[in-house]
Amino acid sequence: MNYSPLTDPESIPKVFTQAWNQCDAQTLASLFDEDAEFINVTGLWWHSRASIERAHAYGFSTIFTHSTLTLLKTKVRYLSPAIAVVHARVKLTGQSPIEDILQPGERRTLFTFVVHKLGEHWSCVSAHNTDISYRETHVRDEKGQLQAVDYNRPPAEPEQQAPSPNRKPLRKPL
């Protein structure tokens, strides 16, 4: 496949998506500096281009074999003419079934890429991917599982919860 040239910061998530959709871990990893950092959606942290390539090659051979990554929105903030932060919202579909999840659903994630210009091309020094849950935070339940929750909700009725004299609202309702 002919990939887009890396002539601007926006090309990093564009080529990342193209490489993902080809299950091309080598091209995907080539977007990163040798000593780049990558944090995935669960907090796994890889510290080199080689480890980024190995992790994605493994994912492409197991759970992401038939997946499709779609670039939905990209926003760039230049910190200097040769350094930028790129945010990219993506949609992931087609994950392989795993454990008792027979038909994995669509996921939306948000990438943050820290990129810099090397000569005429751009390269990524750090990336972080975050699942979008459309909730405000996570709490760990009694079974040890993370649950996405909102903390900006109306207070419980008085008969359901006794008010605490020291409790102040976290923030005003929107």
Protein backbone atom coordinates (compact mmCIF):
# COMPACT_ATOMS: atom_id res chain seq x y z
CA MET A 1 0.00 0.00 0.00
CA ASN A 2 1.12 3.55 -0.66
CA TYR A 3 0.82 5.47 2.58
CA SER A 4 0.30 9.22 2.86
CA PRO A 5 3.52 11.24 3.19
CA LEU A 6 4.41 12.53 6.66
CA THR A 7 4.51 16.18 5.60
CA ASP A 8 2.40 17.66 8.42
CA PRO A 9 1.33 16.72 11.95
CA GLU A 10 -2.10 15.56 10.73
CA SER A 11 -0.42 12.87 8.66
CA ILE A 12 0.59 10.91 11.80
CA PRO A 13 -2.97 9.80 12.75
CA LYS A 14 -3.85 9.46 9.07
CA VAL A 15 -1.02 6.99 8.38
CA PHE A 16 -1.58 5.30 11.79
CA THR A 17 -5.15 4.57 10.65
CA GLN A 18 -4.04 3.41 7.19
CA ALA A 19 -1.44 1.07 8.70
CA TRP A 20 -3.95 -0.23 11.28
CA ASN A 21 -6.42 -1.11 8.55
CA GLN A 22 -3.70 -3.09 6.73
CA CYS A 23 -2.62 -4.83 9.99
CA ASP A 24 0.80 -3.35 9.20
CA ALA A 25 2.57 -3.10 12.55
CA GLN A 26 5.90 -2.25 10.93
CA THR A 27 4.58 0.84 9.14
CA LEU A 28 2.55 1.84 12.19
CA ALA A 29 5.67 1.64 14.38
CA SER A 30 7.75 3.55 11.81
CA LEU A 31 5.70 6.65 12.71
CA PHE A 32 7.48 6.67 16.08
CA ASP A 33 10.98 7.67 17.19
CA GLU A 34 13.26 4.79 18.23
CA ASP A 35 12.78 5.72 21.91
CA ALA A 36 9.09 6.71 21.64
CA GLU A 37 6.51 6.10 24.36
CA PHE A 38 3.04 4.62 23.73
CA ILE A 39 0.26 4.16 26.28
CA ASN A 40 -2.73 2.12 25.16
CA VAL A 41 -6.36 2.36 26.31
CA THR A 42 -5.79 0.11 29.33
CA GLY A 43 -2.62 1.85 30.47
CA LEU A 44 -0.08 -0.60 29.05
CA TRP A 45 3.08 1.43 28.39
CA TRP A 46 5.62 0.64 25.69
CA HIS A 47 9.01 2.40 25.67
CA SER A 48 10.43 1.95 22.16
CA ARG A 49 9.52 1.67 18.51
CA ALA A 50 10.35 -2.05 18.67
CA SER A 51 7.97 -2.67 21.60
CA ILE A 52 5.24 -0.61 19.89
CA GLU A 53 5.64 -2.78 16.79
CA ARG A 54 5.61 -6.06 18.78
CA ALA A 55 2.48 -5.07 20.72
CA HIS A 56 0.56 -4.06 17.60
CA ALA A 57 1.71 -7.11 15.62
CA TYR A 58 0.38 -9.30 18.44
CA GLY A 59 -2.92 -7.38 18.51
CA PHE A 60 -3.30 -7.64 14.73
CA SER A 61 -2.75 -11.40 14.92
CA THR A 62 -5.37 -11.91 17.66
CA ILE A 63 -8.14 -9.46 18.57
CA PHE A 64 -7.76 -6.80 15.82
CA THR A 65 -7.35 -9.10 12.79
CA HIS A 66 -10.53 -7.92 11.06
CA SER A 67 -10.92 -4.55 12.72
CA THR A 68 -11.30 -1.19 11.02
CA LEU A 69 -10.09 2.10 12.44
CA THR A 70 -11.81 5.23 11.07
CA LEU A 71 -10.35 8.68 11.63
CA LEU A 72 -13.24 10.97 12.62
CA LYS A 73 -11.61 14.25 13.66
CA THR A 74 -8.11 15.67 13.98
CA LYS A 75 -7.01 18.81 15.80
CA VAL A 76 -3.46 20.17 15.88
CA ARG A 77 -1.89 22.60 18.31
CA TYR A 78 1.56 23.82 17.38
CA LEU A 79 3.91 24.36 20.30
CA SER A 80 6.58 25.62 17.91
CA PRO A 81 7.04 25.40 14.13
CA ALA A 82 8.58 21.94 14.61
CA ILE A 83 6.60 20.54 17.60
CA ALA A 84 2.87 19.86 17.81
CA VAL A 85 0.24 18.03 19.83
CA VAL A 86 -2.25 16.16 17.66
CA HIS A 87 -5.58 14.94 19.01
CA ALA A 88 -7.40 12.40 16.88
CA ARG A 89 -10.84 10.92 17.52
CA VAL A 90 -11.27 7.48 15.97
CA LYS A 91 -13.87 4.74 15.69
CA LEU A 92 -12.92 1.06 16.00
CA THR A 93 -15.16 -1.67 14.62
CA GLY A 94 -14.72 -5.36 13.88
CA GLN A 95 -12.81 -6.53 16.94
CA SER A 96 -12.62 -10.31 17.22
CA PRO A 97 -14.82 -12.12 19.75
CA ILE A 98 -13.06 -12.85 23.02
CA GLU A 99 -14.07 -14.73 26.18
CA ASP A 100 -17.85 -14.39 26.52
CA ILE A 101 -18.13 -11.33 24.24
CA LEU A 102 -19.36 -12.87 20.99
CA GLN A 103 -20.00 -9.66 19.05
CA PRO A 104 -17.78 -6.81 20.28
CA GLY A 105 -19.38 -3.44 19.67
CA GLU A 106 -18.05 -0.23 18.21
CA ARG A 107 -15.53 1.70 20.28
CA ARG A 108 -14.59 5.37 20.12
CA THR A 109 -11.16 6.45 21.30
CA LEU A 110 -9.14 9.62 21.50
CA PHE A 111 -5.45 9.65 20.67
CA THR A 112 -2.95 12.26 21.77
CA PHE A 113 0.19 12.30 19.64
CA VAL A 114 3.19 14.48 20.49
CA VAL A 115 5.02 14.97 17.21
CA HIS A 116 8.08 16.80 15.95
CA LYS A 117 9.54 17.64 12.58
CA LEU A 118 12.70 15.80 11.56
CA GLY A 119 13.97 17.35 8.33
CA GLU A 120 11.02 17.36 5.94
CA HIS A 121 8.97 14.71 7.76
CA TRP A 122 7.08 14.45 11.05
CA SER A 123 7.64 11.75 13.67
CA CYS A 124 5.86 10.81 16.89
CA VAL A 125 7.72 10.89 20.21
CA SER A 126 4.75 9.92 22.40
CA ALA A 127 1.19 8.66 22.00
CA HIS A 128 -1.65 7.94 24.41
CA ASN A 129 -4.95 6.30 23.45
CA THR A 130 -8.03 6.60 25.64
CA ASP A 131 -11.38 4.83 25.33
CA ILE A 132 -14.25 7.33 25.28
CA SER A 133 -16.98 6.27 27.69
CA TYR A 134 -18.91 9.57 27.64
CA ARG A 135 -18.91 9.44 31.44
CA GLU A 136 -17.02 11.61 33.93
CA THR A 137 -14.73 9.15 35.72
CA HIS A 138 -14.15 5.53 36.70
CA VAL A 139 -14.64 3.77 40.02
CA ARG A 140 -13.62 0.23 40.91
CA ASP A 141 -16.59 -1.89 41.99
CA GLU A 142 -16.71 -4.60 44.64
CA LYS A 143 -15.56 -7.20 42.07
CA GLY A 144 -12.50 -5.15 41.16
CA GLN A 145 -13.88 -4.04 37.78
CA LEU A 146 -13.67 -0.44 36.58
CA GLN A 147 -17.05 1.14 35.98
CA ALA A 148 -17.61 4.40 34.12
CA VAL A 149 -19.79 6.73 36.21
CA ASP A 150 -21.00 10.30 36.40
CA TYR A 151 -20.64 12.32 39.58
CA ASN A 152 -22.65 15.31 38.37
CA ARG A 153 -26.10 14.01 39.17
CA PRO A 154 -28.97 15.42 41.19
CA PRO A 155 -28.81 14.71 44.92
CA ALA A 156 -30.84 11.77 46.23
CA GLU A 157 -34.22 12.39 47.80
CA PRO A 158 -33.99 13.13 51.57
CA GLU A 159 -35.63 9.85 52.54
CA GLN A 160 -33.04 7.97 50.46
CA GLN A 161 -29.93 9.68 51.81
CA ALA A 162 -29.42 11.76 54.92
CA PRO A 163 -27.64 15.02 54.07
CA SER A 164 -24.16 15.51 55.43
CA PRO A 165 -23.56 18.91 57.05
CA ASN A 166 -19.98 18.90 55.72
CA ARG A 167 -20.87 17.95 52.15
CA LYS A 168 -20.51 20.64 49.55
CA PRO A 169 -21.66 20.21 45.95
CA LEU A 170 -18.90 19.07 43.60
CA ARG A 171 -20.07 21.56 40.98
CA LYS A 172 -23.17 23.35 39.87
CA PRO A 173 -25.47 21.50 37.48
CA LEU A 174 -25.03 22.45 33.82
